[in-house]
């Protein structure tokens, strides 16, 4: 992540309580660019090229892996929008809350924050 506007590490976001999959989703979307037509430069391989997802698409890790296409990775510098992270994080939390396993994961995560904040209780 760029040091031009402060040295920020991915772990800093995780330590502040952002959902890890939301952070990954946010970073992946920031790196996906627009689809460029290179058909006149490269012979067709017969395959269908994927389009970059919308900048607020909510994706699981499995979907990010499945949909990844190196040809749509941006070559420009990306600006990470914290408002998009809030939006993506909210939706990842809602998905987690929709299952018993997800609720248990969130409860364990919250418990670790409480223990850290109140170590003597």
Protein backbone atom coordinates (compact mmCIF):
# COMPACT_ATOMS: atom_id res chain seq x y z
CA UNK A 1 0.00 0.00 0.00
CA UNK A 2 1.34 3.42 -0.94
CA UNK A 3 3.52 5.28 1.50
CA UNK A 4 2.75 8.62 -0.15
CA UNK A 5 -0.21 9.24 2.16
CA UNK A 6 1.07 7.52 5.28
CA UNK A 7 2.60 4.13 5.83
CA UNK A 8 -0.36 1.78 6.11
CA UNK A 9 -0.09 -2.00 6.27
CA UNK A 10 -2.83 -4.51 5.60
CA UNK A 11 -2.40 -5.86 9.13
CA UNK A 12 -3.25 -2.40 10.49
CA UNK A 13 -6.75 -2.80 9.05
CA UNK A 14 -7.10 -6.30 10.49
CA UNK A 15 -5.93 -5.11 13.92
CA UNK A 16 -8.59 -2.41 13.84
CA UNK A 17 -11.28 -5.05 13.42
CA UNK A 18 -12.00 -5.04 9.71
CA UNK A 19 -13.02 -8.45 8.39
CA UNK A 20 -10.01 -10.11 6.70
CA UNK A 21 -12.05 -11.25 3.69
CA UNK A 22 -13.49 -7.74 3.30
CA UNK A 23 -9.97 -6.29 3.25
CA UNK A 24 -8.93 -8.84 0.63
CA UNK A 25 -12.07 -8.10 -1.40
CA UNK A 26 -11.34 -4.34 -1.21
CA UNK A 27 -7.72 -4.74 -2.29
CA UNK A 28 -8.61 -7.13 -5.10
CA UNK A 29 -11.21 -4.74 -6.50
CA UNK A 30 -8.75 -1.84 -6.31
CA UNK A 31 -6.30 -3.84 -8.41
CA UNK A 32 -8.78 -4.87 -11.06
CA UNK A 33 -8.88 -2.38 -13.89
CA UNK A 34 -11.00 -1.84 -16.94
CA UNK A 35 -10.96 -4.37 -19.75
CA UNK A 36 -8.76 -3.29 -22.66
CA UNK A 37 -9.35 -4.46 -26.21
CA UNK A 38 -6.06 -6.03 -27.26
CA UNK A 39 -7.50 -8.14 -30.06
CA UNK A 40 -5.59 -6.16 -32.67
CA UNK A 41 -2.30 -6.73 -30.82
CA UNK A 42 -2.53 -10.35 -29.72
CA UNK A 43 -3.83 -13.28 -31.78
CA UNK A 44 -7.07 -14.67 -30.43
CA UNK A 45 -6.71 -17.70 -28.22
CA UNK A 46 -10.36 -18.55 -28.70
CA UNK A 47 -11.09 -17.94 -25.02
CA UNK A 48 -13.56 -15.47 -23.63
CA UNK A 49 -11.94 -12.64 -21.69
CA UNK A 50 -13.46 -11.71 -18.34
CA UNK A 51 -14.52 -8.20 -17.49
CA UNK A 52 -13.29 -6.52 -14.34
CA UNK A 53 -15.94 -6.62 -11.60
CA UNK A 54 -17.74 -3.52 -10.37
CA UNK A 55 -15.74 -1.62 -7.75
CA UNK A 56 -18.13 -2.63 -4.94
CA UNK A 57 -18.75 -6.25 -5.89
CA UNK A 58 -18.95 -8.46 -2.80
CA UNK A 59 -16.97 -11.64 -3.41
CA UNK A 60 -15.84 -14.61 -1.38
CA UNK A 61 -12.21 -15.70 -1.57
CA UNK A 62 -13.32 -18.59 -3.79
CA UNK A 63 -15.06 -16.16 -6.18
CA UNK A 64 -12.01 -13.89 -6.28
CA UNK A 65 -9.83 -16.85 -7.21
CA UNK A 66 -12.31 -18.14 -9.79
CA UNK A 67 -12.87 -14.74 -11.41
CA UNK A 68 -9.24 -13.60 -11.38
CA UNK A 69 -7.96 -12.66 -14.82
CA UNK A 70 -4.48 -11.19 -15.08
CA UNK A 71 -5.44 -9.34 -18.29
CA UNK A 72 -7.72 -6.98 -16.33
CA UNK A 73 -5.26 -6.10 -13.55
CA UNK A 74 -4.74 -2.35 -13.60
CA UNK A 75 -1.43 -0.79 -14.58
CA UNK A 76 -2.28 2.48 -12.90
CA UNK A 77 -1.83 3.52 -9.31
CA UNK A 78 -4.95 2.73 -7.29
CA UNK A 79 -6.42 4.92 -4.59
CA UNK A 80 -7.99 2.91 -1.79
CA UNK A 81 -11.36 4.38 -0.85
CA UNK A 82 -12.15 3.78 2.86
CA UNK A 83 -15.87 4.31 2.18
CA UNK A 84 -15.78 1.28 -0.14
CA UNK A 85 -14.07 -0.73 2.60
CA UNK A 86 -16.89 0.20 5.00
CA UNK A 87 -19.48 -0.91 2.44
CA UNK A 88 -17.67 -4.17 1.63
CA UNK A 89 -17.00 -4.90 5.31
CA UNK A 90 -20.68 -4.40 6.18
CA UNK A 91 -21.74 -6.91 3.55
CA UNK A 92 -19.11 -9.46 4.57
CA UNK A 93 -20.34 -9.16 8.18
CA UNK A 94 -23.95 -9.63 7.05
CA UNK A 95 -22.93 -12.79 5.18
CA UNK A 96 -21.14 -14.11 8.27
CA UNK A 97 -24.17 -13.39 10.47
CA UNK A 98 -26.41 -15.42 8.17
CA UNK A 99 -25.00 -18.76 9.33
CA UNK A 100 -24.37 -20.40 12.73
CA UNK A 101 -20.70 -21.00 11.85
CA UNK A 102 -20.29 -17.37 10.82
CA UNK A 103 -21.92 -16.15 14.03
CA UNK A 104 -19.58 -18.33 16.07
CA UNK A 105 -16.58 -16.93 14.16
CA UNK A 106 -17.74 -13.36 14.85
CA UNK A 107 -18.30 -14.13 18.54
CA UNK A 108 -14.79 -15.57 18.87
CA UNK A 109 -13.35 -12.55 17.09
CA UNK A 110 -15.26 -10.16 19.37
CA UNK A 111 -14.19 -12.13 22.44
CA UNK A 112 -10.51 -11.63 21.55
CA UNK A 113 -11.05 -7.86 21.27
CA UNK A 114 -12.84 -7.76 24.64
CA UNK A 115 -10.08 -9.78 26.33
CA UNK A 116 -7.47 -7.43 24.88
CA UNK A 117 -9.36 -4.32 25.98
CA UNK A 118 -10.12 -5.65 29.48
CA UNK A 119 -7.29 -8.06 30.37
CA UNK A 120 -7.97 -8.07 34.13
CA UNK A 121 -11.67 -8.96 34.01
